[in-house]
C-alpha atoms as a PDB file:
ATOM      1  CA  MET A   1     -18.322  -3.680   8.516  1.00  0.00           C
ATOM      2  CA  THR A   2     -15.654  -6.185   7.513  1.00  0.00           C
ATOM      3  CA  HIS A   3     -16.352  -8.177   4.358  1.00  0.00           C
ATOM      4  CA  ALA A   4     -14.662 -11.548   3.892  1.00  0.00           C
ATOM      5  CA  PRO A   5     -11.775 -11.695   1.417  1.00  0.00           C
ATOM      6  CA  HIS A   6     -13.558 -14.284  -0.758  1.00  0.00           C
ATOM      7  CA  ALA A   7     -16.105 -11.595  -1.689  1.00  0.00           C
ATOM      8  CA  TRP A   8     -13.241  -9.252  -2.617  1.00  0.00           C
ATOM      9  CA  LYS A   9     -11.864 -11.930  -4.918  1.00  0.00           C
ATOM     10  CA  SER A  10     -15.008 -11.925  -7.037  1.00  0.00           C
ATOM     11  CA  GLN A  11     -15.084  -9.703 -10.139  1.00  0.00           C
ATOM     12  CA  CYS A  12     -11.317  -9.553 -10.275  1.00  0.00           C
ATOM     13  CA  GLU A  13      -8.841  -9.771 -13.129  1.00  0.00           C
ATOM     14  CA  TRP A  14      -5.586 -11.675 -13.523  1.00  0.00           C
ATOM     15  CA  PHE A  15      -2.501 -10.821 -15.519  1.00  0.00           C
ATOM     16  CA  PHE A  16       0.968 -12.316 -15.697  1.00  0.00           C
ATOM     17  CA  HIS A  17       4.310 -11.047 -14.415  1.00  0.00           C
ATOM     18  CA  LYS A  18       7.329 -13.237 -15.174  1.00  0.00           C
ATOM     19  CA  GLY A  19       5.024 -16.184 -15.716  1.00  0.00           C
ATOM     20  CA  HIS A  20       3.168 -15.779 -12.421  1.00  0.00           C
ATOM     21  CA  ARG A  21      -0.479 -14.808 -11.927  1.00  0.00           C
ATOM     22  CA  ILE A  22      -1.144 -11.401 -10.377  1.00  0.00           C
ATOM     23  CA  PHE A  23      -4.518 -10.626  -8.815  1.00  0.00           C
ATOM     24  CA  VAL A  24      -5.970  -7.221  -9.727  1.00  0.00           C
ATOM     25  CA  LYS A  25      -9.158  -5.671  -8.386  1.00  0.00           C
ATOM     26  CA  GLU A  26     -10.538  -3.123 -10.836  1.00  0.00           C
ATOM     27  CA  ALA A  27     -13.686  -0.996 -10.852  1.00  0.00           C
ATOM     28  CA  GLY A  28     -15.027   2.503 -11.404  1.00  0.00           C
ATOM     29  CA  GLN A  29     -14.801   5.120 -14.116  1.00  0.00           C
ATOM     30  CA  GLY A  30     -12.928   8.373 -14.448  1.00  0.00           C
ATOM     31  CA  PRO A  31      -9.280   9.203 -13.830  1.00  0.00           C
ATOM     32  CA  ASP A  32      -6.917   6.444 -12.796  1.00  0.00           C
ATOM     33  CA  LEU A  33      -6.084   5.715  -9.157  1.00  0.00           C
ATOM     34  CA  LEU A  34      -3.611   3.028  -8.112  1.00  0.00           C
ATOM     35  CA  LEU A  35      -3.832   1.420  -4.650  1.00  0.00           C
ATOM     36  CA  LEU A  36      -0.671  -0.191  -3.251  1.00  0.00           C
ATOM     37  CA  HIS A  37      -0.995  -2.336  -0.131  1.00  0.00           C
ATOM     38  CA  GLY A  38       1.285  -3.236   2.764  1.00  0.00           C
ATOM     39  CA  PHE A  39       3.110  -6.180   4.312  1.00  0.00           C
ATOM     40  CA  PRO A  40       1.997  -8.870   5.026  1.00  0.00           C
ATOM     41  CA  THR A  41      -1.563  -8.455   3.761  1.00  0.00           C
ATOM     42  CA  ALA A  42      -3.132  -7.511   0.399  1.00  0.00           C
ATOM     43  CA  SER A  43      -5.238  -5.064  -1.615  1.00  0.00           C
ATOM     44  CA  TRP A  44      -8.222  -6.173   0.515  1.00  0.00           C
ATOM     45  CA  ASP A  45      -6.866  -3.725   3.107  1.00  0.00           C
ATOM     46  CA  TYR A  46      -8.711  -1.024   1.138  1.00  0.00           C
ATOM     47  CA  HIS A  47     -12.101  -2.742   1.052  1.00  0.00           C
ATOM     48  CA  LEU A  48     -13.754  -0.322   3.503  1.00  0.00           C
ATOM     49  CA  ILE A  49     -12.956   2.734   1.366  1.00  0.00           C
ATOM     50  CA  TRP A  50     -13.308   0.959  -1.978  1.00  0.00           C
ATOM     51  CA  PRO A  51     -17.028   1.740  -2.593  1.00  0.00           C
ATOM     52  CA  GLU A  52     -16.450   5.472  -2.264  1.00  0.00           C
ATOM     53  CA  LEU A  53     -13.226   5.510  -4.286  1.00  0.00           C
ATOM     54  CA  ILE A  54     -14.796   3.766  -7.271  1.00  0.00           C
ATOM     55  CA  ARG A  55     -17.575   6.361  -7.351  1.00  0.00           C
ATOM     56  CA  HIS A  56     -14.962   8.918  -8.387  1.00  0.00           C
ATOM     57  CA  PHE A  57     -12.099   7.040 -10.017  1.00  0.00           C
ATOM     58  CA  HIS A  58     -11.112   4.097 -12.150  1.00  0.00           C
ATOM     59  CA  VAL A  59      -9.291   2.152  -9.437  1.00  0.00           C
ATOM     60  CA  LEU A  60      -6.635  -0.523  -9.870  1.00  0.00           C
ATOM     61  CA  ALA A  61      -5.612  -2.522  -6.800  1.00  0.00           C
ATOM     62  CA  PRO A  62      -3.119  -5.336  -7.425  1.00  0.00           C
ATOM     63  CA  ASP A  63      -1.897  -7.876  -4.911  1.00  0.00           C
ATOM     64  CA  PHE A  64       1.894  -7.791  -5.116  1.00  0.00           C
ATOM     65  CA  ILE A  65       3.514 -11.053  -6.128  1.00  0.00           C
ATOM     66  CA  GLY A  66       3.907 -13.113  -2.949  1.00  0.00           C
ATOM     67  CA  PHE A  67       0.875 -11.482  -1.330  1.00  0.00           C
ATOM     68  CA  GLY A  68      -2.872 -12.035  -1.074  1.00  0.00           C
ATOM     69  CA  PHE A  69      -4.396 -13.924  -3.991  1.00  0.00           C
ATOM     70  CA  SER A  70      -1.404 -13.498  -6.315  1.00  0.00           C
ATOM     71  CA  ASP A  71       1.026 -16.341  -6.916  1.00  0.00           C
ATOM     72  CA  LYS A  72       3.585 -16.945  -4.182  1.00  0.00           C
ATOM     73  CA  PRO A  73       6.459 -18.810  -5.814  1.00  0.00           C
ATOM     74  CA  ARG A  74       8.917 -20.302  -3.367  1.00  0.00           C
ATOM     75  CA  ARG A  75      11.980 -19.767  -5.535  1.00  0.00           C
ATOM     76  CA  TYR A  76      11.624 -16.151  -6.536  1.00  0.00           C
ATOM     77  CA  ARG A  77      13.787 -13.083  -6.056  1.00  0.00           C
ATOM     78  CA  TYR A  78      11.293 -10.858  -4.264  1.00  0.00           C
ATOM     79  CA  SER A  79      12.179  -7.181  -4.234  1.00  0.00           C
ATOM     80  CA  LEU A  80      10.551  -3.775  -4.096  1.00  0.00           C
ATOM     81  CA  HIS A  81      12.096  -2.958  -7.474  1.00  0.00           C
ATOM     82  CA  ASP A  82      10.484  -6.036  -8.996  1.00  0.00           C
ATOM     83  CA  GLN A  83       7.120  -5.046  -7.516  1.00  0.00           C
ATOM     84  CA  ALA A  84       7.524  -1.612  -9.120  1.00  0.00           C
ATOM     85  CA  ASP A  85       8.271  -3.359 -12.435  1.00  0.00           C
ATOM     86  CA  MET A  86       5.050  -5.358 -12.028  1.00  0.00           C
ATOM     87  CA  VAL A  87       3.035  -2.202 -11.351  1.00  0.00           C
ATOM     88  CA  GLU A  88       4.455  -0.475 -14.416  1.00  0.00           C
ATOM     89  CA  LEU A  89       3.558  -3.513 -16.503  1.00  0.00           C
ATOM     90  CA  LEU A  90       0.003  -3.286 -15.178  1.00  0.00           C
ATOM     91  CA  LEU A  91      -0.201   0.415 -16.041  1.00  0.00           C
ATOM     92  CA  ARG A  92       0.964  -0.283 -19.589  1.00  0.00           C
ATOM     93  CA  HIS A  93      -1.454  -3.203 -19.870  1.00  0.00           C
ATOM     94  CA  LYS A  94      -4.333  -0.884 -18.892  1.00  0.00           C
ATOM     95  CA  GLY A  95      -3.196   1.987 -21.077  1.00  0.00           C
ATOM     96  CA  VAL A  96      -2.820   4.389 -18.152  1.00  0.00           C
ATOM     97  CA  HIS A  97      -1.346   7.767 -19.116  1.00  0.00           C
ATOM     98  CA  ARG A  98      -1.939   9.775 -15.939  1.00  0.00           C
ATOM     99  CA  TYR A  99      -2.664   8.500 -12.454  1.00  0.00           C
ATOM    100  CA  ALA A 100      -2.418   9.063  -8.702  1.00  0.00           C
ATOM    101  CA  ILE A 101      -1.295   6.652  -5.983  1.00  0.00           C
ATOM    102  CA  LEU A 102      -2.684   5.810  -2.553  1.00  0.00           C
ATOM    103  CA  ALA A 103      -0.151   3.593  -0.771  1.00  0.00           C
ATOM    104  CA  HIS A 104       0.409   1.973   2.605  1.00  0.00           C
ATOM    105  CA  ASP A 105       3.388   0.387   4.381  1.00  0.00           C
ATOM    106  CA  TYR A 106       5.295  -1.874   1.910  1.00  0.00           C
ATOM    107  CA  GLY A 107       3.377  -0.133  -0.874  1.00  0.00           C
ATOM    108  CA  ASP A 108       4.848   3.202   0.253  1.00  0.00           C
ATOM    109  CA  SER A 109       8.312   2.026  -0.779  1.00  0.00           C
ATOM    110  CA  VAL A 110       7.018   0.853  -4.156  1.00  0.00           C
ATOM    111  CA  ALA A 111       5.391   4.266  -4.584  1.00  0.00           C
ATOM    112  CA  GLN A 112       8.667   5.982  -3.695  1.00  0.00           C
ATOM    113  CA  GLU A 113      10.460   3.925  -6.351  1.00  0.00           C
ATOM    114  CA  LEU A 114       7.789   4.882  -8.910  1.00  0.00           C
ATOM    115  CA  MET A 115       8.248   8.533  -7.938  1.00  0.00           C
ATOM    116  CA  TRP A 116      12.010   8.237  -8.441  1.00  0.00           C
ATOM    117  CA  ARG A 117      11.572   6.570 -11.840  1.00  0.00           C
ATOM    118  CA  THR A 118       9.062   9.212 -12.917  1.00  0.00           C
ATOM    119  CA  ARG A 119      11.480  12.044 -12.180  1.00  0.00           C
ATOM    120  CA  TRP A 120      14.496  10.270 -13.719  1.00  0.00           C
ATOM    121  CA  ARG A 121      12.638   9.510 -16.940  1.00  0.00           C
ATOM    122  CA  HIS A 122      11.297  13.051 -17.138  1.00  0.00           C
ATOM    123  CA  ARG A 123      14.849  14.394 -16.870  1.00  0.00           C
ATOM    124  CA  GLN A 124      15.991  11.958 -19.558  1.00  0.00           C
ATOM    125  CA  GLY A 125      13.131  12.907 -21.846  1.00  0.00           C
ATOM    126  CA  VAL A 126      11.694   9.390 -21.682  1.00  0.00           C
ATOM    127  CA  LYS A 127       7.938   9.095 -22.040  1.00  0.00           C
ATOM    128  CA  THR A 128       6.244   7.743 -18.923  1.00  0.00           C
ATOM    129  CA  PRO A 129       2.754   7.901 -17.377  1.00  0.00           C
ATOM    130  CA  ALA A 130       2.261  11.211 -15.590  1.00  0.00           C
ATOM    131  CA  LEU A 131       2.103  10.925 -11.822  1.00  0.00           C
ATOM    132  CA  ALA A 132      -0.515  13.413 -10.623  1.00  0.00           C
ATOM    133  CA  GLY A 133       0.138  12.928  -6.912  1.00  0.00           C
ATOM    134  CA  VAL A 134       0.882  10.422  -4.158  1.00  0.00           C
ATOM    135  CA  VAL A 135      -0.742   9.793  -0.773  1.00  0.00           C
ATOM    136  CA  LEU A 136       1.400   7.796   1.651  1.00  0.00           C
ATOM    137  CA  LEU A 137      -0.242   6.160   4.654  1.00  0.00           C
ATOM    138  CA  ASN A 138       1.779   4.738   7.563  1.00  0.00           C
ATOM    139  CA  GLY A 139       4.952   2.963   6.504  1.00  0.00           C
ATOM    140  CA  GLY A 140       8.713   2.888   6.888  1.00  0.00           C
ATOM    141  CA  ILE A 141       9.309   5.647   4.377  1.00  0.00           C
ATOM    142  CA  VAL A 142      12.421   6.900   6.205  1.00  0.00           C
ATOM    143  CA  PRO A 143      14.812   4.059   7.106  1.00  0.00           C
ATOM    144  CA  GLY A 144      16.296   4.665  10.530  1.00  0.00           C
ATOM    145  CA  LEU A 145      13.010   6.021  11.840  1.00  0.00           C
ATOM    146  CA  HIS A 146      11.123   2.832  10.984  1.00  0.00           C
ATOM    147  CA  ARG A 147      10.636   0.741  14.150  1.00  0.00           C
ATOM    148  CA  PRO A 148       9.831  -2.840  13.134  1.00  0.00           C
ATOM    149  CA  ARG A 149       8.322  -5.200  15.707  1.00  0.00           C
ATOM    150  CA  MET A 150      10.507  -7.946  17.167  1.00  0.00           C
ATOM    151  CA  VAL A 151       8.634 -10.596  15.165  1.00  0.00           C
ATOM    152  CA  GLN A 152       9.592  -8.723  11.970  1.00  0.00           C
ATOM    153  CA  ARG A 153      13.256  -8.522  13.003  1.00  0.00           C
ATOM    154  CA  LEU A 154      13.330 -12.247  13.741  1.00  0.00           C
ATOM    155  CA  MET A 155      11.574 -13.116  10.480  1.00  0.00           C
ATOM    156  CA  ALA A 156      14.145 -11.045   8.569  1.00  0.00           C
ATOM    157  CA  SER A 157      17.068 -12.763  10.322  1.00  0.00           C
ATOM    158  CA  PRO A 158      18.661 -16.100   9.318  1.00  0.00           C
ATOM    159  CA  LEU A 159      16.353 -17.677  11.896  1.00  0.00           C
ATOM    160  CA  GLY A 160      13.274 -16.649   9.886  1.00  0.00           C
ATOM    161  CA  PRO A 161      12.625 -19.965   8.102  1.00  0.00           C
ATOM    162  CA  LEU A 162      13.160 -21.889  11.354  1.00  0.00           C
ATOM    163  CA  LEU A 163      10.560 -19.773  13.140  1.00  0.00           C
ATOM    164  CA  LEU A 164       7.790 -20.305  10.587  1.00  0.00           C
ATOM    165  CA  PRO A 165       6.188 -23.262  12.442  1.00  0.00           C
ATOM    166  CA  PHE A 166       5.755 -21.007  15.474  1.00  0.00           C
ATOM    167  CA  TRP A 167       4.352 -18.048  13.518  1.00  0.00           C
ATOM    168  CA  ASN A 168       0.592 -18.528  13.560  1.00  0.00           C
ATOM    169  CA  LYS A 169      -2.716 -16.724  13.809  1.00  0.00           C
ATOM    170  CA  GLY A 170      -2.088 -16.030  17.483  1.00  0.00           C
ATOM    171  CA  THR A 171       1.204 -14.318  16.627  1.00  0.00           C
ATOM    172  CA  LEU A 172      -0.582 -12.192  14.064  1.00  0.00           C
ATOM    173  CA  ARG A 173      -3.329 -11.304  16.538  1.00  0.00           C
ATOM    174  CA  ARG A 174      -0.850 -10.150  19.194  1.00  0.00           C
ATOM    175  CA  THR A 175       1.181  -8.135  16.685  1.00  0.00           C
ATOM    176  CA  PHE A 176      -1.792  -6.384  15.117  1.00  0.00           C
ATOM    177  CA  ARG A 177      -3.313  -5.500  18.473  1.00  0.00           C
ATOM    178  CA  ARG A 178      -0.071  -3.723  19.321  1.00  0.00           C
ATOM    179  CA  ILE A 179       0.092  -1.723  16.117  1.00  0.00           C
ATOM    180  CA  PHE A 180      -3.578  -0.676  15.916  1.00  0.00           C
ATOM    181  CA  GLY A 181      -4.805   2.316  17.898  1.00  0.00           C
ATOM    182  CA  ALA A 182      -5.795   1.540  21.495  1.00  0.00           C
ATOM    183  CA  SER A 183      -9.438   2.447  20.853  1.00  0.00           C
ATOM    184  CA  ARG A 184      -9.596   0.797  17.401  1.00  0.00           C
ATOM    185  CA  GLN A 185      -8.538  -2.760  18.122  1.00  0.00           C
ATOM    186  CA  PRO A 186      -9.061  -5.405  15.407  1.00  0.00           C
ATOM    187  CA  ASP A 187     -11.838  -7.903  16.082  1.00  0.00           C
ATOM    188  CA  GLU A 188     -11.499 -11.621  15.487  1.00  0.00           C
ATOM    189  CA  ALA A 189     -13.192 -11.439  12.070  1.00  0.00           C
ATOM    190  CA  LEU A 190     -10.566  -8.984  10.877  1.00  0.00           C
ATOM    191  CA  ILE A 191      -7.681 -11.072  12.201  1.00  0.00           C
ATOM    192  CA  THR A 192      -9.161 -14.154  10.519  1.00  0.00           C
ATOM    193  CA  ALA A 193      -9.441 -12.293   7.210  1.00  0.00           C
ATOM    194  CA  PHE A 194      -5.842 -11.096   7.386  1.00  0.00           C
ATOM    195  CA  TRP A 195      -4.670 -14.601   8.231  1.00  0.00           C
ATOM    196  CA  GLN A 196      -6.575 -16.052   5.267  1.00  0.00           C
ATOM    197  CA  LEU A 197      -4.857 -13.596   2.929  1.00  0.00           C
ATOM    198  CA  ILE A 198      -1.411 -14.378   4.314  1.00  0.00           C
ATOM    199  CA  THR A 199      -1.801 -18.159   4.194  1.00  0.00           C
ATOM    200  CA  CYS A 200      -3.598 -18.289   0.820  1.00  0.00           C
ATOM    201  CA  ASN A 201      -1.567 -20.183  -1.819  1.00  0.00           C
ATOM    202  CA  ASN A 202       0.744 -21.509   0.916  1.00  0.00           C
ATOM    203  CA  GLY A 203       1.948 -17.959   1.502  1.00  0.00           C
ATOM    204  CA  LYS A 204       3.357 -18.430   4.970  1.00  0.00           C
ATOM    205  CA  ARG A 205       6.431 -20.160   3.581  1.00  0.00           C
ATOM    206  CA  VAL A 206       7.545 -17.091   1.571  1.00  0.00           C
ATOM    207  CA  LEU A 207       7.341 -14.576   4.441  1.00  0.00           C
ATOM    208  CA  PRO A 208      11.089 -14.678   5.218  1.00  0.00           C
ATOM    209  CA  ARG A 209      11.806 -13.890   1.569  1.00  0.00           C
ATOM    210  CA  LEU A 210       9.245 -11.086   1.386  1.00  0.00           C
ATOM    211  CA  ILE A 211      10.513  -9.338   4.489  1.00  0.00           C
ATOM    212  CA  GLY A 212      13.858  -8.737   2.824  1.00  0.00           C
ATOM    213  CA  TYR A 213      12.301  -5.411   1.860  1.00  0.00           C
ATOM    214  CA  MET A 214      13.565  -3.949   5.164  1.00  0.00           C
ATOM    215  CA  LYS A 215      17.177  -4.366   4.003  1.00  0.00           C
ATOM    216  CA  GLU A 216      16.261  -2.935   0.606  1.00  0.00           C
ATOM    217  CA  ARG A 217      14.944   0.194   2.250  1.00  0.00           C
ATOM    218  CA  ILE A 218      18.293   0.735   3.959  1.00  0.00           C
ATOM    219  CA  GLN A 219      20.255   0.009   0.761  1.00  0.00           C
ATOM    220  CA  HIS A 220      18.231   2.564  -1.220  1.00  0.00           C
ATOM    221  CA  ARG A 221      17.683   5.090   1.553  1.00  0.00           C
ATOM    222  CA  SER A 222      19.135   8.084  -0.311  1.00  0.00           C
ATOM    223  CA  ARG A 223      17.099   7.313  -3.446  1.00  0.00           C
ATOM    224  CA  TRP A 224      13.760   6.930  -1.662  1.00  0.00           C
ATOM    225  CA  VAL A 225      14.186   9.647   0.948  1.00  0.00           C
ATOM    226  CA  GLU A 226      15.202  12.147  -1.716  1.00  0.00           C
ATOM    227  CA  VAL A 227      11.785  11.872  -3.386  1.00  0.00           C
ATOM    228  CA  LEU A 228      10.187  12.829  -0.064  1.00  0.00           C
ATOM    229  CA  VAL A 229      12.375  15.903   0.280  1.00  0.00           C
ATOM    230  CA  HIS A 230      12.115  16.853  -3.419  1.00  0.00           C
ATOM    231  CA  PRO A 231       8.986  15.075  -4.703  1.00  0.00           C
ATOM    232  CA  PRO A 232       8.321  15.015  -8.448  1.00  0.00           C
ATOM    233  CA  CYS A 233       4.593  15.501  -7.846  1.00  0.00           C
ATOM    234  CA  PRO A 234       2.218  16.686  -5.100  1.00  0.00           C
ATOM    235  CA  LEU A 235       2.607  14.583  -1.965  1.00  0.00           C
ATOM    236  CA  MET A 236       0.465  13.922   1.109  1.00  0.00           C
ATOM    237  CA  HIS A 237       1.313  11.924   4.214  1.00  0.00           C
ATOM    238  CA  LEU A 238      -1.661  10.676   6.238  1.00  0.00           C
ATOM    239  CA  ASN A 239      -0.386   9.319   9.538  1.00  0.00           C
ATOM    240  CA  GLY A 240      -2.054   7.257  12.277  1.00  0.00           C
ATOM    241  CA  VAL A 241      -0.018   8.722  15.119  1.00  0.00           C
ATOM    242  CA  GLU A 242      -0.493   5.821  17.570  1.00  0.00           C
ATOM    243  CA  ASP A 243       1.386   3.479  15.264  1.00  0.00           C
ATOM    244  CA  PRO A 244       4.533   2.284  17.123  1.00  0.00           C
ATOM    245  CA  ILE A 245       6.199   1.345  13.824  1.00  0.00           C
ATOM    246  CA  ALA A 246       5.794   4.480  11.721  1.00  0.00           C
ATOM    247  CA  GLY A 247       3.510   6.819  13.644  1.00  0.00           C
ATOM    248  CA  GLY A 248       3.808  10.352  14.947  1.00  0.00           C
ATOM    249  CA  HIS A 249       7.613  10.412  14.796  1.00  0.00           C
ATOM    250  CA  LEU A 250       7.420   9.873  11.020  1.00  0.00           C
ATOM    251  CA  ALA A 251       4.815  12.629  10.682  1.00  0.00           C
ATOM    252  CA  ASP A 252       7.153  14.969  12.603  1.00  0.00           C
ATOM    253  CA  TRP A 253      10.026  14.161  10.238  1.00  0.00           C
ATOM    254  CA  MET A 254       7.869  14.738   7.173  1.00  0.00           C
ATOM    255  CA  ALA A 255       6.663  18.071   8.536  1.00  0.00           C
ATOM    256  CA  ARG A 256      10.269  19.200   9.015  1.00  0.00           C
ATOM    257  CA  HIS A 257      11.899  17.883   5.852  1.00  0.00           C
ATOM    258  CA  SER A 258       9.269  17.467   3.147  1.00  0.00           C
ATOM    259  CA  PRO A 259       6.919  19.885   1.342  1.00  0.00           C
ATOM    260  CA  ALA A 260       4.225  17.198   1.665  1.00  0.00           C
ATOM    261  CA  THR A 261       0.883  17.975   3.254  1.00  0.00           C
ATOM    262  CA  VAL A 262       1.015  16.116   6.584  1.00  0.00           C
ATOM    263  CA  VAL A 263      -2.198  15.037   8.307  1.00  0.00           C
ATOM    264  CA  ARG A 264      -2.121  13.411  11.750  1.00  0.00           C
ATOM    265  CA  LEU A 265      -4.939  11.020  12.650  1.00  0.00           C
ATOM    266  CA  GLU A 266      -5.168  10.960  16.430  1.00  0.00           C
ATOM    267  CA  GLY A 267      -6.317   7.721  18.037  1.00  0.00           C
ATOM    268  CA  THR A 268      -5.349   5.698  14.948  1.00  0.00           C
ATOM    269  CA  GLY A 269      -2.516   3.209  14.460  1.00  0.00           C
ATOM    270  CA  HIS A 270      -0.723   1.512  11.588  1.00  0.00           C
ATOM    271  CA  TYR A 271      -3.788   0.741   9.413  1.00  0.00           C
ATOM    272  CA  PRO A 272      -5.695   4.048   9.003  1.00  0.00           C
ATOM    273  CA  GLN A 273      -7.756   2.769   6.055  1.00  0.00           C
ATOM    274  CA  VAL A 274      -9.033  -0.099   8.218  1.00  0.00           C
ATOM    275  CA  GLU A 275      -9.224   1.635  11.597  1.00  0.00           C
ATOM    276  CA  ALA A 276     -10.727   4.957  10.490  1.00  0.00           C
ATOM    277  CA  PRO A 277     -11.935   4.607   6.879  1.00  0.00           C
ATOM    278  CA  GLN A 278     -14.282   7.596   6.942  1.00  0.00           C
ATOM    279  CA  ARG A 279     -11.586   9.888   8.309  1.00  0.00           C
ATOM    280  CA  VAL A 280      -9.201   8.710   5.604  1.00  0.00           C
ATOM    281  CA  LEU A 281     -11.789   9.418   2.916  1.00  0.00           C
ATOM    282  CA  GLU A 282     -12.500  12.884   4.321  1.00  0.00           C
ATOM    283  CA  HIS A 283      -8.869  13.839   3.838  1.00  0.00           C
ATOM    284  CA  VAL A 284      -7.982  11.843   0.748  1.00  0.00           C
ATOM    285  CA  LEU A 285     -10.940  12.359  -1.586  1.00  0.00           C
ATOM    286  CA  PRO A 286     -10.690  16.160  -1.968  1.00  0.00           C
ATOM    287  CA  VAL A 287      -6.940  15.926  -2.498  1.00  0.00           C
ATOM    288  CA  LEU A 288      -7.199  13.199  -5.145  1.00  0.00           C
ATOM    289  CA  GLN A 289     -10.003  15.051  -6.905  1.00  0.00           C
ATOM    290  CA  GLY A 290      -7.866  18.179  -6.938  1.00  0.00           C
ATOM    291  CA  TRP A 291      -4.893  16.356  -8.410  1.00  0.00           C
ATOM    292  CA  LEU A 292      -6.872  14.416 -10.993  1.00  0.00           C
ATOM    293  CA  GLY A 293      -9.019  17.341 -12.024  1.00  0.00           C
ATOM    294  CA  GLU A 294     -12.568  17.782 -13.206  1.00  0.00           C
ATOM    295  CA  ASP A 295     -12.840  14.219 -14.506  1.00  0.00           C
ATOM    296  CA  ALA A 296     -12.866  12.927 -10.921  1.00  0.00           C
ATOM    297  CA  ALA A 297     -15.614  15.298  -9.844  1.00  0.00           C
ATOM    298  CA  GLN A 298     -17.668  14.441 -12.923  1.00  0.00           C
ATOM    299  CA  ALA A 299     -17.266  10.707 -12.232  1.00  0.00           C
ATOM    300  CA  GLY A 300     -18.589  11.281  -8.727  1.00  0.00           C
ATOM    301  CA  LEU A 301     -21.608  13.146 -10.025  1.00  0.00           C
ATOM    302  CA  SER A 302     -22.344  10.419 -12.580  1.00  0.00           C
ATOM    303  CA  ALA A 303     -22.143   7.717  -9.930  1.00  0.00           C
ATOM    304  CA  THR A 304     -24.469   9.657  -7.657  1.00  0.00           C
ATOM    305  CA  SER A 305     -27.028  10.085 -10.428  1.00  0.00           C
ATOM    306  CA  VAL A 306     -27.384   6.345 -10.972  1.00  0.00           C
ATOM    307  CA  ARG A 307     -27.582   5.341  -7.314  1.00  0.00           C
END
């Protein structure tokens, strides 16, 4: 069942990054779990697995600046590094000392940057929150293998701002139907919800700036691919293999080059947490509980006892 984004916005928290408001969804008790969402949507992408996650963990799910309910300043230097800075600020604000990450798409790259920083600081003897493990859902984690749709290429080109008047809900509908699994197509309610998140706070106008992340991935390829080959923490890649952008071919690469646990979700496309939420939970929950230890299991038991 798809719940409207306005319900997700309730019981949220706001904090500031460089003078701009950042939306944060927070709930649950136990060890800390950070959810990082993808382009061009928001933390709401996780709403179908949220109830189960918060039974076991204290979950933080920010909307990156420029996305969802967060501020979307027109004159802002959007970058994956800046988003990682924002996340680290949030972790400090919440007093997080040890945590795990579940990331998707754009959020995968932010997670890779956090992995790189964690290892660098550890080598330098700099104190930093301990990263217990990372789960990466579909995303362009290996530049060169990432296959962006034509609409993404055009938006990232100098023509991007000129094309904005022609980029509408219909464009989004056509794109998402191509990247979801053939048997798990998004209904109109889901498309409407995604569109509301994108256009909230006049967000459409910043899309050409946000999509600069594709060039960033190429610029920092060695840095972010290295943490896949030599991860500083346990790593899992959960892949919807029907995804034309970052599907089975990415899972094959990970299986060959990374020590990560690779799980292929047949019949699923680019948004596993939306298309097959129960299957994602079946694979992710035991792994996260293992990484985060007995506290996660105890949180689950406590939540069950009060239901």
